[in-house]
N, C-alpha and C. Protein backbone atom coordinates (compact mmCIF):
# COMPACT_ATOMS: atom_id res chain seq x y z
N MET A 1 -3.36 -6.30 5.41
CA MET A 1 -2.64 -5.03 4.49
C MET A 1 -3.60 -5.15 3.63
N LYS A 2 -3.92 -3.87 3.08
CA LYS A 2 -4.44 -3.97 1.10
C LYS A 2 -3.74 -4.05 0.32
N TYR A 3 -4.09 -4.40 -1.01
CA TYR A 3 -2.79 -4.61 -2.14
C TYR A 3 -2.55 -2.81 -2.45
N PRO A 4 -1.22 -2.63 -2.36
CA PRO A 4 -1.26 -1.49 -3.00
C PRO A 4 -1.86 -0.53 -3.78
N ASP A 5 -2.80 -1.16 -4.45
CA ASP A 5 -3.77 -0.62 -5.93
C ASP A 5 -4.91 0.15 -4.55
N GLU A 6 -5.08 -0.66 -3.86
CA GLU A 6 -6.53 -0.64 -3.02
C GLU A 6 -6.16 0.76 -2.13
N GLY A 7 -4.92 0.18 -1.71
CA GLY A 7 -4.26 1.58 -0.37
C GLY A 7 -4.76 2.82 -1.37
N ARG A 8 -3.88 2.58 -2.51
CA ARG A 8 -3.77 3.74 -3.10
C ARG A 8 -4.76 4.33 -3.29
N LYS A 9 -6.01 4.03 -3.85
CA LYS A 9 -7.21 4.04 -4.32
C LYS A 9 -7.86 4.71 -3.17
N HIS A 10 -7.87 4.10 -1.74
CA HIS A 10 -8.49 4.66 -0.41
C HIS A 10 -7.63 5.90 0.14
N LEU A 11 -6.47 6.21 -0.35
CA LEU A 11 -6.13 7.10 0.26
C LEU A 11 -6.38 8.63 -1.06
N VAL A 12 -6.45 8.14 -2.16
CA VAL A 12 -7.34 9.15 -3.00
C VAL A 12 -8.49 9.63 -3.09
N GLU A 13 -9.04 8.53 -2.64
CA GLU A 13 -10.77 8.72 -1.92
C GLU A 13 -10.63 10.09 -1.51
N GLN A 14 -9.41 9.52 0.21
CA GLN A 14 -9.91 10.51 1.23
C GLN A 14 -9.38 12.44 0.88
N ILE A 15 -8.55 12.06 -0.36
CA ILE A 15 -7.96 13.22 -0.74
C ILE A 15 -9.16 14.00 -1.29
N ARG A 16 -10.00 13.17 -2.07
CA ARG A 16 -11.20 14.18 -3.11
C ARG A 16 -12.35 14.21 -1.79
N GLU A 17 -12.14 13.58 -0.99
CA GLU A 17 -13.28 14.01 0.21
C GLU A 17 -12.76 15.50 0.88
N LEU A 18 -11.82 15.44 1.11
CA LEU A 18 -11.18 16.68 1.86
C LEU A 18 -11.88 17.83 1.14
N ASN A 19 -11.01 17.51 -0.42
CA ASN A 19 -10.96 18.74 -0.93
C ASN A 19 -12.88 18.95 -1.39
N ALA A 20 -13.68 18.42 -1.72
CA ALA A 20 -14.91 18.41 -1.34
C ALA A 20 -15.57 19.51 -0.68
N LYS A 21 -14.94 18.37 0.50
CA LYS A 21 -15.37 19.28 1.99
C LYS A 21 -14.66 21.02 1.70
N THR A 22 -14.12 21.11 1.69
CA THR A 22 -13.14 22.46 1.44
C THR A 22 -14.25 23.29 0.48
N SER A 23 -14.02 22.42 -0.90
CA SER A 23 -15.21 23.14 -1.49
C SER A 23 -16.32 23.84 -0.95
N LYS A 24 -17.48 22.99 -0.66
CA LYS A 24 -18.66 22.75 -0.12
C LYS A 24 -18.63 23.97 0.84
N ILE A 25 -17.50 23.88 2.06
CA ILE A 25 -17.39 25.17 2.68
C ILE A 25 -17.56 26.50 1.77
N ARG A 26 -16.61 26.55 0.77
CA ARG A 26 -16.42 27.61 0.21
C ARG A 26 -17.38 28.03 -0.33
N GLU A 27 -18.43 27.18 -0.64
CA GLU A 27 -19.81 27.59 -0.90
C GLU A 27 -20.29 28.05 -0.38
N LEU A 28 -20.40 27.39 1.20
CA LEU A 28 -21.30 28.31 2.38
C LEU A 28 -20.81 29.63 2.33
N ILE A 29 -19.39 30.13 2.46
CA ILE A 29 -19.05 31.57 2.59
C ILE A 29 -19.72 32.11 1.63
N LEU A 30 -19.90 31.89 0.31
CA LEU A 30 -19.86 32.83 -0.61
C LEU A 30 -21.56 33.44 -0.21
N GLU A 31 -22.15 32.02 0.31
CA GLU A 31 -23.86 32.24 0.36
C GLU A 31 -24.06 32.81 1.91
N ASP A 32 -22.79 33.15 2.65
CA ASP A 32 -23.08 33.88 4.10
C ASP A 32 -23.66 33.38 5.04
N LYS A 33 -23.13 31.91 4.66
CA LYS A 33 -23.69 30.65 5.82
C LYS A 33 -22.69 29.95 6.44
N PHE A 34 -21.51 30.91 6.36
CA PHE A 34 -20.02 30.56 7.14
C PHE A 34 -19.36 31.63 6.89
N ASP A 35 -18.19 31.81 8.46
CA ASP A 35 -17.39 32.61 8.61
C ASP A 35 -16.56 32.75 8.43
N GLN A 36 -15.38 33.18 7.56
CA GLN A 36 -14.32 33.04 7.00
C GLN A 36 -13.30 32.53 7.95
N ASP A 37 -13.19 32.95 9.13
CA ASP A 37 -11.89 32.72 10.15
C ASP A 37 -12.20 31.20 9.94
N ASP A 38 -13.62 30.42 10.13
CA ASP A 38 -14.04 29.20 10.43
C ASP A 38 -13.37 28.25 9.17
N TYR A 39 -13.63 29.19 7.97
CA TYR A 39 -13.20 28.75 6.75
C TYR A 39 -11.50 28.25 6.76
N LEU A 40 -10.89 29.37 7.03
CA LEU A 40 -9.83 29.45 7.38
C LEU A 40 -9.34 27.89 8.09
N SER A 41 -10.00 27.92 9.06
CA SER A 41 -9.49 26.42 9.64
C SER A 41 -9.86 25.63 9.38
N VAL A 42 -10.49 25.38 8.80
CA VAL A 42 -11.10 24.15 8.69
C VAL A 42 -10.55 23.58 7.43
N LYS A 43 -9.90 24.99 6.36
CA LYS A 43 -8.98 25.10 5.25
C LYS A 43 -7.87 23.84 5.94
N ARG A 44 -7.33 24.78 6.77
CA ARG A 44 -5.92 24.45 7.41
C ARG A 44 -5.95 23.39 7.55
N ALA A 45 -6.54 22.03 8.42
CA ALA A 45 -6.95 21.52 8.72
C ALA A 45 -7.08 20.10 7.68
N ALA A 46 -7.52 21.08 6.43
CA ALA A 46 -7.99 19.71 5.44
C ALA A 46 -6.86 19.68 4.49
N GLU A 47 -6.19 20.71 4.42
CA GLU A 47 -4.54 21.05 3.80
C GLU A 47 -3.79 20.15 4.59
N LYS A 48 -3.32 20.45 5.92
CA LYS A 48 -2.34 19.07 6.34
C LYS A 48 -3.17 17.49 6.49
N GLN A 49 -4.19 17.03 6.64
CA GLN A 49 -4.71 15.61 6.26
C GLN A 49 -4.71 15.30 5.11
N ILE A 50 -4.11 16.51 3.89
CA ILE A 50 -4.08 16.07 2.63
C ILE A 50 -2.71 15.88 2.45
N GLN A 51 -1.77 16.84 3.13
CA GLN A 51 -0.57 16.55 2.89
C GLN A 51 0.34 15.21 3.21
N ARG A 52 -0.39 14.79 4.52
CA ARG A 52 -0.17 13.49 5.67
C ARG A 52 -0.36 12.27 4.16
N LEU A 53 -1.58 12.31 3.80
CA LEU A 53 -2.15 11.25 3.20
C LEU A 53 -1.28 11.55 1.42
N GLU A 54 -1.10 12.64 0.95
CA GLU A 54 -0.07 12.32 -0.15
C GLU A 54 1.33 11.92 0.21
N ALA A 55 1.76 12.13 1.27
CA ALA A 55 2.85 11.52 1.43
C ALA A 55 2.96 9.96 1.68
N GLU A 56 1.78 9.59 2.16
CA GLU A 56 1.87 8.07 2.71
C GLU A 56 1.71 7.08 1.01
N ILE A 57 1.44 7.71 -0.18
CA ILE A 57 1.08 7.33 -1.18
C ILE A 57 2.74 6.30 -1.88
N PRO A 58 3.92 7.50 -1.69
CA PRO A 58 5.17 6.63 -2.21
C PRO A 58 5.55 5.36 -1.13
N GLN A 59 5.24 5.53 -0.02
CA GLN A 59 5.38 4.65 0.89
C GLN A 59 4.64 3.34 0.28
N LEU A 60 3.48 3.91 -0.46
CA LEU A 60 2.81 2.06 -0.70
C LEU A 60 3.17 1.65 -2.16
N ILE A 61 3.87 2.80 -2.84
CA ILE A 61 4.43 2.05 -3.99
C ILE A 61 6.06 1.01 -3.61
N VAL A 62 6.45 1.65 -2.47
CA VAL A 62 8.03 0.98 -1.98
C VAL A 62 7.87 -0.20 -1.93
N SER A 63 6.79 -0.17 -0.74
CA SER A 63 6.28 -1.53 -0.27
C SER A 63 5.55 -2.75 -1.21
N HIS A 64 5.12 -1.90 -2.66
CA HIS A 64 4.66 -3.12 -3.20
C HIS A 64 6.07 -3.44 -4.52
N LYS A 65 6.98 -2.46 -4.25
CA LYS A 65 8.29 -2.97 -4.86
C LYS A 65 8.70 -4.21 -4.08
N TYR A 66 9.30 -4.00 -3.01
CA TYR A 66 9.62 -4.80 -2.19
C TYR A 66 9.08 -6.24 -2.06
N ILE A 67 7.66 -6.15 -1.94
CA ILE A 67 7.08 -7.34 -2.09
C ILE A 67 6.60 -7.93 -3.38
N GLU A 68 7.21 -7.59 -4.29
CA GLU A 68 7.44 -8.19 -5.57
C GLU A 68 8.86 -8.48 -5.56
N ASN A 69 9.97 -7.70 -5.33
CA ASN A 69 11.20 -8.53 -5.51
C ASN A 69 11.18 -9.67 -4.55
N ASP A 70 10.51 -9.61 -3.43
CA ASP A 70 10.24 -11.45 -2.36
C ASP A 70 9.52 -12.42 -3.36
N LEU A 71 8.92 -11.83 -3.80
CA LEU A 71 8.21 -12.65 -5.00
C LEU A 71 8.72 -13.73 -5.92
N THR A 72 9.78 -12.58 -6.54
CA THR A 72 10.18 -12.88 -7.38
C THR A 72 11.20 -14.02 -7.19
N GLY A 73 12.22 -13.57 -6.02
CA GLY A 73 13.07 -14.50 -5.21
C GLY A 73 12.62 -15.71 -5.07
N CYS A 74 11.08 -15.47 -4.23
CA CYS A 74 10.89 -17.05 -3.89
C CYS A 74 10.40 -17.72 -4.93
N ILE A 75 9.93 -17.55 -6.32
CA ILE A 75 9.64 -18.07 -7.57
C ILE A 75 11.32 -18.83 -7.93
N SER A 76 12.03 -17.67 -8.18
CA SER A 76 13.08 -18.36 -8.01
C SER A 76 13.67 -19.16 -7.67
N ASN A 77 13.42 -19.64 -6.39
CA ASN A 77 14.30 -20.68 -5.41
C ASN A 77 13.28 -21.88 -5.51
N MET A 78 12.07 -21.78 -5.54
CA MET A 78 10.94 -22.68 -6.16
C MET A 78 11.32 -23.94 -6.84
N SER A 79 11.51 -22.45 -7.77
CA SER A 79 12.49 -23.29 -9.27
C SER A 79 13.45 -24.03 -9.51
N ARG A 80 14.69 -23.40 -8.61
CA ARG A 80 15.70 -24.03 -8.63
C ARG A 80 15.49 -24.94 -7.78
N ALA A 81 14.89 -25.39 -6.74
CA ALA A 81 14.59 -26.29 -5.25
C ALA A 81 14.02 -27.53 -6.81
N GLY A 82 13.15 -27.13 -7.40
CA GLY A 82 12.79 -27.98 -8.50
C GLY A 82 13.53 -28.61 -9.28
N ARG A 83 14.63 -28.11 -9.87
CA ARG A 83 15.26 -28.80 -10.68
C ARG A 83 16.30 -29.71 -9.92
N ILE A 84 16.99 -29.00 -8.77
CA ILE A 84 17.68 -30.01 -8.22
C ILE A 84 17.09 -31.02 -7.36
N TYR A 85 16.31 -30.97 -7.10
CA TYR A 85 15.21 -32.13 -7.30
C TYR A 85 15.13 -33.20 -7.96
N ARG A 86 14.98 -32.41 -9.34
CA ARG A 86 14.68 -34.00 -10.22
C ARG A 86 15.94 -34.14 -10.91
N GLU A 87 17.25 -33.22 -10.90
CA GLU A 87 18.60 -33.95 -10.94
C GLU A 87 19.35 -34.66 -9.69
N GLY A 88 18.84 -34.76 -8.22
CA GLY A 88 19.84 -34.85 -7.17
C GLY A 88 19.67 -36.00 -7.05
N ASN A 89 20.47 -36.45 -6.29
CA ASN A 89 20.71 -37.66 -6.13
C ASN A 89 19.17 -38.06 -4.72
N THR A 90 19.39 -39.10 -4.00
CA THR A 90 18.45 -39.38 -3.13
C THR A 90 18.70 -38.24 -1.88
N ILE A 91 20.29 -38.91 -1.65
CA ILE A 91 20.27 -37.46 -0.53
C ILE A 91 19.69 -35.80 -0.49
N LYS A 92 20.18 -35.32 -1.95
CA LYS A 92 19.49 -34.37 -2.12
C LYS A 92 17.97 -34.27 -2.14
N ARG A 93 17.16 -34.99 -2.61
CA ARG A 93 15.69 -34.99 -2.71
C ARG A 93 15.10 -35.41 -1.17
N ARG A 94 16.06 -35.81 -0.25
CA ARG A 94 15.39 -35.68 0.87
C ARG A 94 15.35 -34.51 1.90
N GLU A 95 16.81 -33.91 1.56
CA GLU A 95 17.55 -32.49 1.89
C GLU A 95 15.91 -31.55 1.55
N ILE A 96 15.53 -31.84 0.60
CA ILE A 96 14.88 -30.82 -0.36
C ILE A 96 13.11 -31.23 0.53
N ILE A 97 13.05 -32.30 0.72
CA ILE A 97 11.92 -32.57 1.12
C ILE A 97 11.43 -32.53 2.96
N GLY A 98 12.98 -32.52 3.53
CA GLY A 98 12.69 -31.96 5.03
C GLY A 98 12.83 -30.51 4.83
N ARG A 99 13.21 -29.82 4.11
CA ARG A 99 13.17 -28.87 4.18
C ARG A 99 11.72 -27.77 4.10
N VAL A 100 10.98 -28.77 2.88
CA VAL A 100 9.29 -28.25 2.13
C VAL A 100 8.41 -28.56 3.38
N ILE A 101 8.70 -30.10 4.06
CA ILE A 101 7.59 -30.63 5.10
C ILE A 101 8.48 -30.95 6.19
N PRO A 102 7.74 -29.90 7.10
CA PRO A 102 8.48 -29.68 8.73
C PRO A 102 8.44 -31.14 9.17
N LYS A 103 9.48 -31.44 10.15
CA LYS A 103 9.36 -32.98 10.97
C LYS A 103 7.98 -32.72 11.89
N ILE A 104 7.65 -33.94 11.83
CA ILE A 104 6.95 -34.36 13.28
C ILE A 104 6.81 -34.50 14.26
């Protein structure tokens, strides 16, 4: 999976391309090189795609927050494990090592 910023940039780029496509067709209709009914069809399709893409942006932000929370929890747990290892007796140290290094 992409990083949230990369995913958002990709979605924004797709939205820009669809808007550019709609603008280009609008220019063609003004030059009488494109039928108005065809323009409306293309425009509706592009608008649907844009709405779908815009709906994905908040999901990326929420996903990013979950990852951030998970990482914060992991870092906190690792810090706590380090403190327990330093302050713990031999049994606690073996327990921590056993959880970090799987048995072969």
